[in-house]
Amino acid sequence: MREWYYCVSDQTYGPYPEDRMKEMLRDGGITGDTLVWCPEPGYSERGWVMASYTVIAMIDPPRWRQSDDSIPYTPPTPHYRPAIAREAPRASKRGVKIKNQGKISFGGIIVLAAIILGVFIFQRNFTFFVVRPEYADSGNVLLMLRTDDLRFIDSVDSLFVRQKLSLVFMGRAEILEGVTKNARIFARFPYSNWMHSLSVRR
């Protein structure tokens, strides 16, 4: 036997056997305007509809009709579909999705904190060192362990300017050799003019 759910004030109840739904409709527990839903194939695709549009309304006598039988009963057209509670099998995922919108789970906070911590540790321990094509073949960007005199994004030209201010005079070639001689280089990337400009502005 088919089972049905019904919805009153955005609260879903059920499932109930079809005969029980007819009894509730006959006894006034639900009305012809009550929204109902059946998970059976051929019914579930219709979504939530008023009971008066379903086989539930095929009862004798139809006490859910108007008391004055001389006035033909015309069921009103449904104008909305209420929120579907988790008791309805097909609708449970929708309900959970709506409930969780705009909320961040505890696991999401942990992942976000781990990402921020990882970026902080990476920035404190590594350097992108930019070498212009004039100082090396085709130029490149070196990913290396960071030392005290280097910044997160640095370059030969930036070091050259800073060492002038400290009254330590070295040529750019000497600076490049001094930085890369004992450096632990993890990767080499193509030269980036954008990263070079960023290193000089810092």
N, C-alpha and C. Protein backbone atom coordinates (compact mmCIF):
# COMPACT_ATOMS: atom_id res chain seq x y z
N MET A 1 0.84 -1.20 0.00
CA MET A 1 0.00 0.00 0.00
C MET A 1 0.88 1.25 0.00
N ARG A 2 0.44 2.24 -0.75
CA ARG A 2 1.19 3.48 -0.83
C ARG A 2 1.20 4.20 0.53
N GLU A 3 2.28 4.90 0.80
CA GLU A 3 2.40 5.70 2.01
C GLU A 3 2.53 7.16 1.63
N TRP A 4 2.00 8.01 2.49
CA TRP A 4 1.96 9.44 2.19
C TRP A 4 2.49 10.26 3.36
N TYR A 5 3.00 11.42 3.02
CA TYR A 5 3.37 12.44 4.00
C TYR A 5 2.44 13.64 3.81
N TYR A 6 2.21 14.37 4.89
CA TYR A 6 1.46 15.62 4.73
C TYR A 6 2.18 16.73 5.48
N CYS A 7 1.96 17.95 5.06
CA CYS A 7 2.67 19.10 5.59
C CYS A 7 1.68 20.13 6.10
N VAL A 8 1.88 20.54 7.36
CA VAL A 8 1.06 21.58 7.98
C VAL A 8 2.00 22.58 8.65
N SER A 9 1.88 23.84 8.29
CA SER A 9 2.71 24.91 8.86
C SER A 9 4.20 24.60 8.72
N ASP A 10 4.58 24.15 7.51
CA ASP A 10 5.98 23.83 7.19
C ASP A 10 6.53 22.67 8.01
N GLN A 11 5.68 21.91 8.68
CA GLN A 11 6.11 20.73 9.43
C GLN A 11 5.58 19.49 8.73
N THR A 12 6.46 18.54 8.45
CA THR A 12 6.07 17.35 7.72
C THR A 12 5.79 16.19 8.68
N TYR A 13 4.71 15.43 8.39
CA TYR A 13 4.31 14.29 9.21
C TYR A 13 4.17 13.06 8.32
N GLY A 14 4.45 11.91 8.89
CA GLY A 14 4.30 10.68 8.13
C GLY A 14 5.52 9.80 8.22
N PRO A 15 5.55 8.70 7.49
CA PRO A 15 4.54 8.34 6.49
C PRO A 15 3.32 7.65 7.10
N TYR A 16 2.19 7.78 6.40
CA TYR A 16 0.95 7.13 6.80
C TYR A 16 0.42 6.32 5.61
N PRO A 17 -0.17 5.15 5.88
CA PRO A 17 -0.78 4.39 4.79
C PRO A 17 -1.89 5.21 4.12
N GLU A 18 -2.16 4.88 2.88
CA GLU A 18 -3.15 5.65 2.12
C GLU A 18 -4.53 5.58 2.77
N ASP A 19 -4.89 4.41 3.30
CA ASP A 19 -6.19 4.30 3.96
C ASP A 19 -6.28 5.22 5.17
N ARG A 20 -5.17 5.31 5.91
CA ARG A 20 -5.16 6.18 7.09
C ARG A 20 -5.29 7.65 6.66
N MET A 21 -4.67 8.03 5.56
CA MET A 21 -4.79 9.39 5.05
C MET A 21 -6.24 9.70 4.66
N LYS A 22 -6.91 8.70 4.06
CA LYS A 22 -8.32 8.91 3.70
C LYS A 22 -9.17 9.08 4.94
N GLU A 23 -8.85 8.32 6.00
CA GLU A 23 -9.60 8.46 7.25
C GLU A 23 -9.41 9.85 7.84
N MET A 24 -8.16 10.33 7.81
CA MET A 24 -7.89 11.67 8.35
C MET A 24 -8.62 12.73 7.55
N LEU A 25 -8.68 12.54 6.23
CA LEU A 25 -9.39 13.50 5.39
C LEU A 25 -10.88 13.46 5.67
N ARG A 26 -11.41 12.25 5.89
CA ARG A 26 -12.83 12.09 6.17
C ARG A 26 -13.19 12.66 7.54
N ASP A 27 -12.28 12.47 8.52
CA ASP A 27 -12.56 12.90 9.88
C ASP A 27 -12.15 14.35 10.15
N GLY A 28 -11.56 15.01 9.18
CA GLY A 28 -11.18 16.41 9.37
C GLY A 28 -9.79 16.62 9.91
N GLY A 29 -9.01 15.54 10.05
CA GLY A 29 -7.63 15.69 10.52
C GLY A 29 -6.77 16.47 9.53
N ILE A 30 -7.04 16.28 8.26
CA ILE A 30 -6.44 17.08 7.20
C ILE A 30 -7.56 17.56 6.29
N THR A 31 -7.28 18.50 5.44
CA THR A 31 -8.30 19.03 4.53
C THR A 31 -7.87 18.82 3.09
N GLY A 32 -8.77 19.18 2.18
CA GLY A 32 -8.44 19.07 0.77
C GLY A 32 -7.31 20.00 0.35
N ASP A 33 -7.06 21.06 1.15
CA ASP A 33 -5.99 22.00 0.84
C ASP A 33 -4.65 21.59 1.44
N THR A 34 -4.64 20.54 2.26
CA THR A 34 -3.39 20.10 2.88
C THR A 34 -2.44 19.55 1.83
N LEU A 35 -1.20 19.97 1.90
CA LEU A 35 -0.20 19.49 0.94
C LEU A 35 0.27 18.11 1.33
N VAL A 36 0.31 17.20 0.35
CA VAL A 36 0.71 15.82 0.60
C VAL A 36 1.76 15.41 -0.44
N TRP A 37 2.48 14.36 -0.10
CA TRP A 37 3.54 13.86 -1.00
C TRP A 37 3.70 12.36 -0.81
N CYS A 38 3.85 11.63 -1.91
CA CYS A 38 4.03 10.18 -1.88
C CYS A 38 5.36 9.84 -2.55
N PRO A 39 6.21 9.03 -1.90
CA PRO A 39 7.52 8.71 -2.48
C PRO A 39 7.49 7.63 -3.55
N GLU A 40 6.31 7.08 -3.83
CA GLU A 40 6.22 6.02 -4.81
C GLU A 40 6.46 6.55 -6.23
N PRO A 41 7.07 5.73 -7.10
CA PRO A 41 7.24 6.14 -8.51
C PRO A 41 5.89 6.47 -9.13
N GLY A 42 5.87 7.52 -9.93
CA GLY A 42 4.64 7.98 -10.53
C GLY A 42 3.93 9.03 -9.70
N TYR A 43 4.30 9.14 -8.42
CA TYR A 43 3.73 10.14 -7.54
C TYR A 43 4.77 11.14 -7.06
N SER A 44 5.97 10.61 -6.73
CA SER A 44 7.00 11.48 -6.15
C SER A 44 7.41 12.59 -7.10
N GLU A 45 7.33 12.33 -8.42
CA GLU A 45 7.76 13.34 -9.38
C GLU A 45 6.88 14.58 -9.35
N ARG A 46 5.68 14.45 -8.86
CA ARG A 46 4.76 15.60 -8.84
C ARG A 46 5.08 16.57 -7.72
N GLY A 47 5.89 16.11 -6.74
CA GLY A 47 6.21 16.97 -5.61
C GLY A 47 5.02 17.09 -4.67
N TRP A 48 5.01 18.15 -3.89
CA TRP A 48 3.94 18.38 -2.92
C TRP A 48 2.72 18.98 -3.63
N VAL A 49 1.59 18.30 -3.48
CA VAL A 49 0.33 18.77 -4.08
C VAL A 49 -0.76 18.72 -3.02
N MET A 50 -1.87 19.40 -3.30
CA MET A 50 -2.97 19.38 -2.34
C MET A 50 -3.66 18.02 -2.38
N ALA A 51 -4.14 17.61 -1.22
CA ALA A 51 -4.77 16.30 -1.11
C ALA A 51 -5.96 16.17 -2.05
N SER A 52 -6.63 17.27 -2.35
CA SER A 52 -7.80 17.22 -3.22
C SER A 52 -7.45 16.83 -4.65
N TYR A 53 -6.15 16.87 -5.01
CA TYR A 53 -5.73 16.50 -6.35
C TYR A 53 -5.24 15.05 -6.42
N THR A 54 -5.36 14.30 -5.36
CA THR A 54 -4.80 12.95 -5.30
C THR A 54 -5.89 11.92 -5.04
N VAL A 55 -5.46 10.66 -5.07
CA VAL A 55 -6.41 9.56 -4.80
C VAL A 55 -6.90 9.58 -3.36
N ILE A 56 -6.23 10.31 -2.50
CA ILE A 56 -6.67 10.40 -1.11
C ILE A 56 -8.07 10.99 -1.04
N ALA A 57 -8.37 11.87 -1.97
CA ALA A 57 -9.67 12.56 -1.95
C ALA A 57 -10.82 11.67 -2.43
N MET A 58 -10.50 10.47 -2.92
CA MET A 58 -11.56 9.57 -3.41
C MET A 58 -12.16 8.81 -2.25
N ILE A 59 -12.96 9.52 -1.45
CA ILE A 59 -13.59 8.92 -0.27
C ILE A 59 -15.10 9.12 -0.37
N ASP A 60 -15.83 8.35 0.41
CA ASP A 60 -17.29 8.43 0.39
C ASP A 60 -17.80 8.37 1.83
N PRO A 61 -18.47 9.37 2.32
CA PRO A 61 -18.80 10.63 1.64
C PRO A 61 -17.61 11.60 1.72
N PRO A 62 -17.51 12.52 0.77
CA PRO A 62 -16.39 13.47 0.78
C PRO A 62 -16.66 14.62 1.74
N ARG A 63 -16.47 14.41 3.07
CA ARG A 63 -16.82 15.40 4.07
C ARG A 63 -15.89 16.61 4.05
N TRP A 64 -14.75 16.49 3.32
CA TRP A 64 -13.85 17.63 3.27
C TRP A 64 -14.35 18.72 2.32
N ARG A 65 -15.44 18.40 1.52
CA ARG A 65 -15.99 19.42 0.63
C ARG A 65 -16.76 20.47 1.43
N GLN A 66 -17.19 21.50 0.76
CA GLN A 66 -17.95 22.53 1.43
C GLN A 66 -19.25 21.94 1.97
N SER A 67 -19.74 22.54 3.06
CA SER A 67 -20.96 22.01 3.68
C SER A 67 -22.17 22.19 2.77
N ASP A 68 -22.18 23.23 1.97
CA ASP A 68 -23.29 23.47 1.04
C ASP A 68 -22.96 22.81 -0.29
N ASP A 69 -23.54 21.59 -0.50
CA ASP A 69 -23.22 20.83 -1.71
C ASP A 69 -23.77 21.47 -2.97
N SER A 70 -24.62 22.48 -2.80
CA SER A 70 -25.15 23.14 -3.99
C SER A 70 -24.11 24.03 -4.65
N ILE A 71 -23.06 24.37 -3.89
CA ILE A 71 -21.99 25.19 -4.43
C ILE A 71 -20.85 24.26 -4.85
N PRO A 72 -20.57 24.18 -6.12
CA PRO A 72 -19.49 23.27 -6.55
C PRO A 72 -18.15 23.66 -5.93
N TYR A 73 -17.41 22.63 -5.52
CA TYR A 73 -16.12 22.86 -4.88
C TYR A 73 -15.03 22.94 -5.94
N THR A 74 -14.28 24.01 -5.93
CA THR A 74 -13.15 24.18 -6.84
C THR A 74 -11.88 24.33 -6.02
N PRO A 75 -11.02 23.31 -6.00
CA PRO A 75 -9.80 23.41 -5.18
C PRO A 75 -8.95 24.58 -5.65
N PRO A 76 -8.42 25.39 -4.71
CA PRO A 76 -7.56 26.52 -5.09
C PRO A 76 -6.25 26.03 -5.68
N THR A 77 -5.68 26.83 -6.55
CA THR A 77 -4.39 26.50 -7.17
C THR A 77 -3.27 26.72 -6.16
N PRO A 78 -2.43 25.71 -5.92
CA PRO A 78 -1.34 25.91 -4.96
C PRO A 78 -0.38 26.97 -5.47
N HIS A 79 0.00 27.89 -4.58
CA HIS A 79 0.86 29.00 -4.99
C HIS A 79 2.26 28.93 -4.38
N TYR A 80 2.52 27.91 -3.59
CA TYR A 80 3.86 27.78 -3.04
C TYR A 80 4.12 26.33 -2.69
N ARG A 81 5.36 26.01 -2.50
CA ARG A 81 5.76 24.69 -2.04
C ARG A 81 6.52 24.87 -0.74
N PRO A 82 6.01 24.39 0.38
CA PRO A 82 6.63 24.69 1.68
C PRO A 82 7.97 24.00 1.84
N ALA A 83 8.68 24.45 2.86
CA ALA A 83 9.96 23.79 3.18
C ALA A 83 9.69 22.34 3.54
N ILE A 84 10.51 21.45 3.03
CA ILE A 84 10.29 20.02 3.21
C ILE A 84 11.13 19.53 4.36
N ALA A 85 10.48 18.96 5.36
CA ALA A 85 11.22 18.50 6.53
C ALA A 85 11.94 17.20 6.26
N ARG A 86 12.82 16.82 7.21
CA ARG A 86 13.68 15.66 7.00
C ARG A 86 12.93 14.34 7.07
N GLU A 87 11.66 14.34 7.53
CA GLU A 87 10.93 13.08 7.59
C GLU A 87 10.61 12.55 6.19
N ALA A 88 10.52 13.41 5.20
CA ALA A 88 10.23 12.96 3.84
C ALA A 88 11.51 12.46 3.20
N PRO A 89 11.55 11.17 2.77
CA PRO A 89 12.81 10.58 2.29
C PRO A 89 13.46 11.36 1.17
N ARG A 90 12.69 11.75 0.16
CA ARG A 90 13.30 12.41 -0.99
C ARG A 90 13.68 13.85 -0.67
N ALA A 91 13.01 14.42 0.30
CA ALA A 91 13.21 15.84 0.58
C ALA A 91 14.24 16.11 1.65
N SER A 92 14.79 15.08 2.30
CA SER A 92 15.67 15.31 3.43
C SER A 92 16.93 16.04 3.05
N LYS A 93 17.52 15.72 1.89
CA LYS A 93 18.76 16.38 1.50
C LYS A 93 18.53 17.86 1.24
N ARG A 94 17.37 18.19 0.65
CA ARG A 94 17.07 19.60 0.44
C ARG A 94 16.98 20.33 1.76
N GLY A 95 16.30 19.70 2.72
CA GLY A 95 16.14 20.35 4.02
C GLY A 95 17.47 20.61 4.68
N VAL A 96 18.38 19.62 4.63
CA VAL A 96 19.69 19.81 5.24
C VAL A 96 20.46 20.90 4.54
N LYS A 97 20.36 20.95 3.22
CA LYS A 97 21.09 21.95 2.44
C LYS A 97 20.62 23.35 2.81
N ILE A 98 19.30 23.53 2.91
CA ILE A 98 18.78 24.85 3.27
C ILE A 98 19.20 25.23 4.68
N LYS A 99 19.22 24.26 5.57
CA LYS A 99 19.56 24.53 6.96
C LYS A 99 21.01 24.96 7.11
N ASN A 100 21.90 24.41 6.30
CA ASN A 100 23.32 24.68 6.45
C ASN A 100 23.82 25.86 5.65
N GLN A 101 22.94 26.51 4.86
CA GLN A 101 23.39 27.64 4.07
C GLN A 101 23.83 28.77 4.98
N GLY A 102 25.00 29.37 4.66
CA GLY A 102 25.51 30.49 5.43
C GLY A 102 26.20 30.09 6.72
N LYS A 103 26.36 28.79 6.99
CA LYS A 103 27.02 28.33 8.21
C LYS A 103 28.32 27.63 7.86
N ILE A 104 29.32 27.80 8.74
CA ILE A 104 30.61 27.15 8.57
C ILE A 104 30.73 26.07 9.63
N SER A 105 31.01 24.86 9.22
CA SER A 105 31.12 23.75 10.17
C SER A 105 32.42 23.85 10.93
N PHE A 106 32.50 23.11 12.03
CA PHE A 106 33.72 23.09 12.84
C PHE A 106 34.89 22.54 12.03
N GLY A 107 34.62 21.51 11.20
CA GLY A 107 35.68 20.97 10.34
C GLY A 107 36.18 22.00 9.35
N GLY A 108 35.26 22.83 8.82
CA GLY A 108 35.67 23.88 7.88
C GLY A 108 36.57 24.90 8.54
N ILE A 109 36.28 25.23 9.82
CA ILE A 109 37.12 26.18 10.56
C ILE A 109 38.51 25.60 10.76
N ILE A 110 38.60 24.30 11.08
CA ILE A 110 39.89 23.66 11.28
C ILE A 110 40.70 23.68 9.99
N VAL A 111 40.05 23.37 8.86
CA VAL A 111 40.76 23.38 7.57
C VAL A 111 41.25 24.78 7.23
N LEU A 112 40.39 25.78 7.46
CA LEU A 112 40.77 27.17 7.17
C LEU A 112 41.95 27.60 8.04
N ALA A 113 41.92 27.23 9.33
CA ALA A 113 43.02 27.58 10.23
C ALA A 113 44.31 26.89 9.80
N ALA A 114 44.21 25.64 9.36
CA ALA A 114 45.40 24.91 8.90
C ALA A 114 46.00 25.56 7.66
N ILE A 115 45.14 26.02 6.75
CA ILE A 115 45.63 26.69 5.54
C ILE A 115 46.35 27.98 5.89
N ILE A 116 45.75 28.78 6.79
CA ILE A 116 46.36 30.04 7.20
C ILE A 116 47.70 29.79 7.88
N LEU A 117 47.74 28.78 8.76
CA LEU A 117 48.99 28.45 9.45
C LEU A 117 50.05 27.98 8.46
N GLY A 118 49.63 27.17 7.47
CA GLY A 118 50.58 26.70 6.46
C GLY A 118 51.16 27.83 5.64
N VAL A 119 50.31 28.80 5.27
CA VAL A 119 50.80 29.95 4.51
C VAL A 119 51.78 30.76 5.35
N PHE A 120 51.47 30.95 6.64
CA PHE A 120 52.35 31.71 7.52
C PHE A 120 53.71 31.03 7.66
N ILE A 121 53.69 29.71 7.87
CA ILE A 121 54.95 28.98 8.01
C ILE A 121 55.76 29.02 6.72
N PHE A 122 55.07 28.87 5.59
CA PHE A 122 55.76 28.92 4.30
C PHE A 122 56.41 30.28 4.08
N GLN A 123 55.69 31.35 4.41
CA GLN A 123 56.22 32.70 4.20
C GLN A 123 57.40 32.98 5.10
N ARG A 124 57.40 32.40 6.30
CA ARG A 124 58.49 32.64 7.24
C ARG A 124 59.74 31.83 6.93
N ASN A 125 59.63 30.77 6.15
CA ASN A 125 60.75 29.86 5.96
C ASN A 125 61.25 29.76 4.52
N PHE A 126 60.55 30.35 3.58
CA PHE A 126 60.95 30.23 2.18
C PHE A 126 61.03 31.60 1.52
N THR A 127 61.79 31.65 0.46
CA THR A 127 61.96 32.88 -0.32
C THR A 127 61.83 32.57 -1.81
N PHE A 128 61.11 33.43 -2.50
CA PHE A 128 61.12 33.43 -3.95
C PHE A 128 62.16 34.48 -4.38
N PHE A 129 63.30 34.00 -4.87
CA PHE A 129 64.39 34.90 -5.23
C PHE A 129 64.42 35.08 -6.74
N VAL A 130 64.21 36.33 -7.19
CA VAL A 130 64.08 36.63 -8.61
C VAL A 130 65.44 37.03 -9.18
N VAL A 131 65.82 36.37 -10.26
CA VAL A 131 67.09 36.66 -10.94
C VAL A 131 66.76 37.12 -12.35
N ARG A 132 67.11 38.33 -12.67
CA ARG A 132 66.81 38.88 -13.99
C ARG A 132 67.65 38.20 -15.07
N PRO A 133 67.19 38.22 -16.31
CA PRO A 133 67.92 37.57 -17.41
C PRO A 133 69.34 38.13 -17.60
N GLU A 134 69.58 39.39 -17.18
CA GLU A 134 70.91 39.97 -17.32
C GLU A 134 71.94 39.27 -16.45
N TYR A 135 71.49 38.63 -15.38
CA TYR A 135 72.43 38.03 -14.44
C TYR A 135 72.50 36.51 -14.56
N ALA A 136 71.62 35.91 -15.34
CA ALA A 136 71.64 34.46 -15.53
C ALA A 136 70.94 34.14 -16.84
N ASP A 137 71.23 32.98 -17.38
CA ASP A 137 70.63 32.59 -18.65
C ASP A 137 69.11 32.58 -18.55
N SER A 138 68.47 33.41 -19.33
CA SER A 138 67.01 33.52 -19.44
C SER A 138 66.33 33.99 -18.17
N GLY A 139 67.08 34.10 -17.07
CA GLY A 139 66.48 34.52 -15.81
C GLY A 139 65.59 33.44 -15.22
N ASN A 140 65.34 33.53 -13.93
CA ASN A 140 64.46 32.56 -13.28
C ASN A 140 64.05 33.06 -11.90
N VAL A 141 63.16 32.30 -11.29
CA VAL A 141 62.73 32.56 -9.92
C VAL A 141 63.08 31.32 -9.11
N LEU A 142 63.87 31.50 -8.08
CA LEU A 142 64.34 30.38 -7.27
C LEU A 142 63.50 30.28 -6.00
N LEU A 143 63.04 29.08 -5.70
CA LEU A 143 62.38 28.82 -4.42
C LEU A 143 63.41 28.21 -3.50
N MET A 144 63.76 28.95 -2.44
CA MET A 144 64.86 28.50 -1.56
C MET A 144 64.50 28.75 -0.10
N LEU A 145 65.30 28.13 0.77
CA LEU A 145 65.12 28.39 2.19
C LEU A 145 65.46 29.84 2.49
N ARG A 146 64.71 30.43 3.35
CA ARG A 146 64.88 31.85 3.65
C ARG A 146 65.96 32.07 4.70
N THR A 147 66.80 33.05 4.48
CA THR A 147 67.82 33.45 5.45
C THR A 147 67.43 34.80 6.05
N ASP A 148 68.17 35.23 7.04
CA ASP A 148 67.80 36.44 7.78
C ASP A 148 67.80 37.69 6.93
N ASP A 149 68.66 37.73 5.91
CA ASP A 149 68.76 38.94 5.10
C ASP A 149 67.85 38.94 3.87
N LEU A 150 67.04 37.92 3.73
CA LEU A 150 66.15 37.82 2.58
C LEU A 150 64.70 38.03 3.00
N ARG A 151 63.90 38.49 2.05
CA ARG A 151 62.47 38.64 2.25
C ARG A 151 61.74 37.50 1.55
N PHE A 152 60.42 37.47 1.75
CA PHE A 152 59.64 36.39 1.14
C PHE A 152 59.75 36.43 -0.39
N ILE A 153 59.64 37.63 -0.97
CA ILE A 153 59.89 37.82 -2.40
C ILE A 153 61.03 38.82 -2.51
N ASP A 154 62.16 38.36 -3.02
CA ASP A 154 63.36 39.19 -3.06
C ASP A 154 64.04 39.05 -4.40
N SER A 155 65.05 39.89 -4.65
CA SER A 155 65.77 39.86 -5.91
C SER A 155 67.16 40.44 -5.74
N VAL A 156 67.99 40.25 -6.76
CA VAL A 156 69.33 40.80 -6.73
C VAL A 156 69.28 42.32 -6.63
N ASP A 157 68.40 42.93 -7.39
CA ASP A 157 68.31 44.40 -7.40
C ASP A 157 67.85 44.94 -6.05
N SER A 158 66.91 44.26 -5.42
CA SER A 158 66.45 44.70 -4.12
C SER A 158 67.57 44.61 -3.08
N LEU A 159 68.32 43.53 -3.11
CA LEU A 159 69.46 43.39 -2.19
C LEU A 159 70.53 44.44 -2.47
N PHE A 160 70.74 44.76 -3.74
CA PHE A 160 71.74 45.75 -4.12
C PHE A 160 71.39 47.12 -3.52
N VAL A 161 70.12 47.48 -3.57
CA VAL A 161 69.69 48.75 -3.00
C VAL A 161 69.86 48.75 -1.49
N ARG A 162 69.49 47.65 -0.83
CA ARG A 162 69.57 47.59 0.63
C ARG A 162 71.01 47.60 1.12
N GLN A 163 71.91 46.92 0.41
CA GLN A 163 73.30 46.89 0.88
C GLN A 163 73.99 48.24 0.68
N LYS A 164 73.51 49.03 -0.27
CA LYS A 164 74.03 50.38 -0.42
C LYS A 164 73.68 51.22 0.80
N LEU A 165 72.46 51.05 1.28
CA LEU A 165 72.04 51.80 2.45
C LEU A 165 72.81 51.39 3.69
N SER A 166 73.30 50.17 3.71
CA SER A 166 74.06 49.69 4.88
C SER A 166 75.56 49.91 4.71
N LEU A 167 75.96 50.64 3.64
CA LEU A 167 77.36 50.97 3.38
C LEU A 167 78.22 49.74 3.12
N VAL A 168 77.59 48.64 2.68
CA VAL A 168 78.33 47.44 2.26
C VAL A 168 78.22 47.38 0.74
N PHE A 169 79.33 47.66 0.07
CA PHE A 169 79.28 47.80 -1.38
C PHE A 169 79.67 46.48 -2.05
N MET A 170 78.72 45.88 -2.75
CA MET A 170 78.94 44.66 -3.51
C MET A 170 78.25 44.81 -4.86
N GLY A 171 78.85 44.24 -5.88
CA GLY A 171 78.21 44.25 -7.18
C GLY A 171 77.08 43.25 -7.24
N ARG A 172 76.23 43.40 -8.24
CA ARG A 172 75.09 42.49 -8.37
C ARG A 172 75.55 41.06 -8.57
N ALA A 173 76.60 40.84 -9.33
CA ALA A 173 77.10 39.49 -9.55
C ALA A 173 77.58 38.87 -8.25
N GLU A 174 78.24 39.68 -7.42
CA GLU A 174 78.71 39.17 -6.12
C GLU A 174 77.54 38.84 -5.20
N ILE A 175 76.51 39.68 -5.28
CA ILE A 175 75.31 39.41 -4.46
C ILE A 175 74.65 38.11 -4.88
N LEU A 176 74.51 37.91 -6.20
CA LEU A 176 73.89 36.69 -6.69
C LEU A 176 74.69 35.47 -6.28
N GLU A 177 75.99 35.54 -6.40
CA GLU A 177 76.83 34.40 -6.02
C GLU A 177 76.74 34.14 -4.53
N GLY A 178 76.74 35.22 -3.73
CA GLY A 178 76.68 35.04 -2.28
C GLY A 178 75.38 34.42 -1.82
N VAL A 179 74.29 34.78 -2.50
CA VAL A 179 72.98 34.24 -2.10
C VAL A 179 72.83 32.79 -2.51
N THR A 180 73.23 32.45 -3.71
CA THR A 180 72.97 31.12 -4.25
C THR A 180 74.06 30.09 -3.95
N LYS A 181 75.20 30.55 -3.46
CA LYS A 181 76.33 29.64 -3.27
C LYS A 181 75.99 28.49 -2.33
N ASN A 182 75.50 28.84 -1.16
CA ASN A 182 75.19 27.81 -0.15
C ASN A 182 73.69 27.66 0.09
N ALA A 183 72.90 28.23 -0.80
CA ALA A 183 71.45 28.18 -0.61
C ALA A 183 70.90 26.80 -0.96
N ARG A 184 69.88 26.43 -0.24
CA ARG A 184 69.17 25.18 -0.54
C ARG A 184 68.00 25.51 -1.46
N ILE A 185 68.18 25.23 -2.74
CA ILE A 185 67.18 25.58 -3.74
C ILE A 185 66.27 24.38 -4.00
N PHE A 186 64.96 24.60 -3.89
CA PHE A 186 64.00 23.52 -4.05
C PHE A 186 63.39 23.47 -5.46
N ALA A 187 63.28 24.64 -6.09
CA ALA A 187 62.66 24.66 -7.42
C ALA A 187 63.10 25.90 -8.17
N ARG A 188 63.06 25.80 -9.49
CA ARG A 188 63.36 26.93 -10.37
C ARG A 188 62.16 27.16 -11.28
N PHE A 189 61.70 28.40 -11.30
CA PHE A 189 60.56 28.76 -12.12
C PHE A 189 60.99 29.78 -13.18
N PRO A 190 60.21 29.92 -14.25
CA PRO A 190 60.54 30.93 -15.26
C PRO A 190 60.54 32.33 -14.65
N TYR A 191 61.33 33.20 -15.25
CA TYR A 191 61.44 34.57 -14.76
C TYR A 191 60.08 35.27 -14.82
N SER A 192 59.78 36.04 -13.78
CA SER A 192 58.52 36.78 -13.70
C SER A 192 58.82 38.25 -13.48
N ASN A 193 58.49 39.06 -14.44
CA ASN A 193 58.70 40.50 -14.31
C ASN A 193 57.81 41.08 -13.20
N TRP A 194 56.62 40.51 -13.03
CA TRP A 194 55.73 40.96 -11.98
C TRP A 194 56.34 40.72 -10.59
N MET A 195 56.91 39.55 -10.38
CA MET A 195 57.53 39.26 -9.09
C MET A 195 58.77 40.13 -8.86
N HIS A 196 59.50 40.42 -9.93
CA HIS A 196 60.66 41.28 -9.80
C HIS A 196 60.22 42.68 -9.37
N SER A 197 59.19 43.21 -10.01
CA SER A 197 58.69 44.53 -9.63
C SER A 197 58.20 44.55 -8.19
N LEU A 198 57.57 43.46 -7.75
CA LEU A 198 57.09 43.37 -6.39
C LEU A 198 58.25 43.36 -5.39
N SER A 199 59.33 42.66 -5.74
CA SER A 199 60.48 42.59 -4.82
C SER A 199 61.16 43.95 -4.67
N VAL A 200 61.20 44.73 -5.72
CA VAL A 200 61.87 46.03 -5.66
C VAL A 200 61.04 47.04 -4.87
N ARG A 201 59.72 46.92 -4.93
CA ARG A 201 58.85 47.87 -4.25
C ARG A 201 58.78 47.64 -2.75
N ARG A 202 59.10 46.47 -2.30
CA ARG A 202 58.97 46.14 -0.88
C ARG A 202 59.96 46.91 -0.03
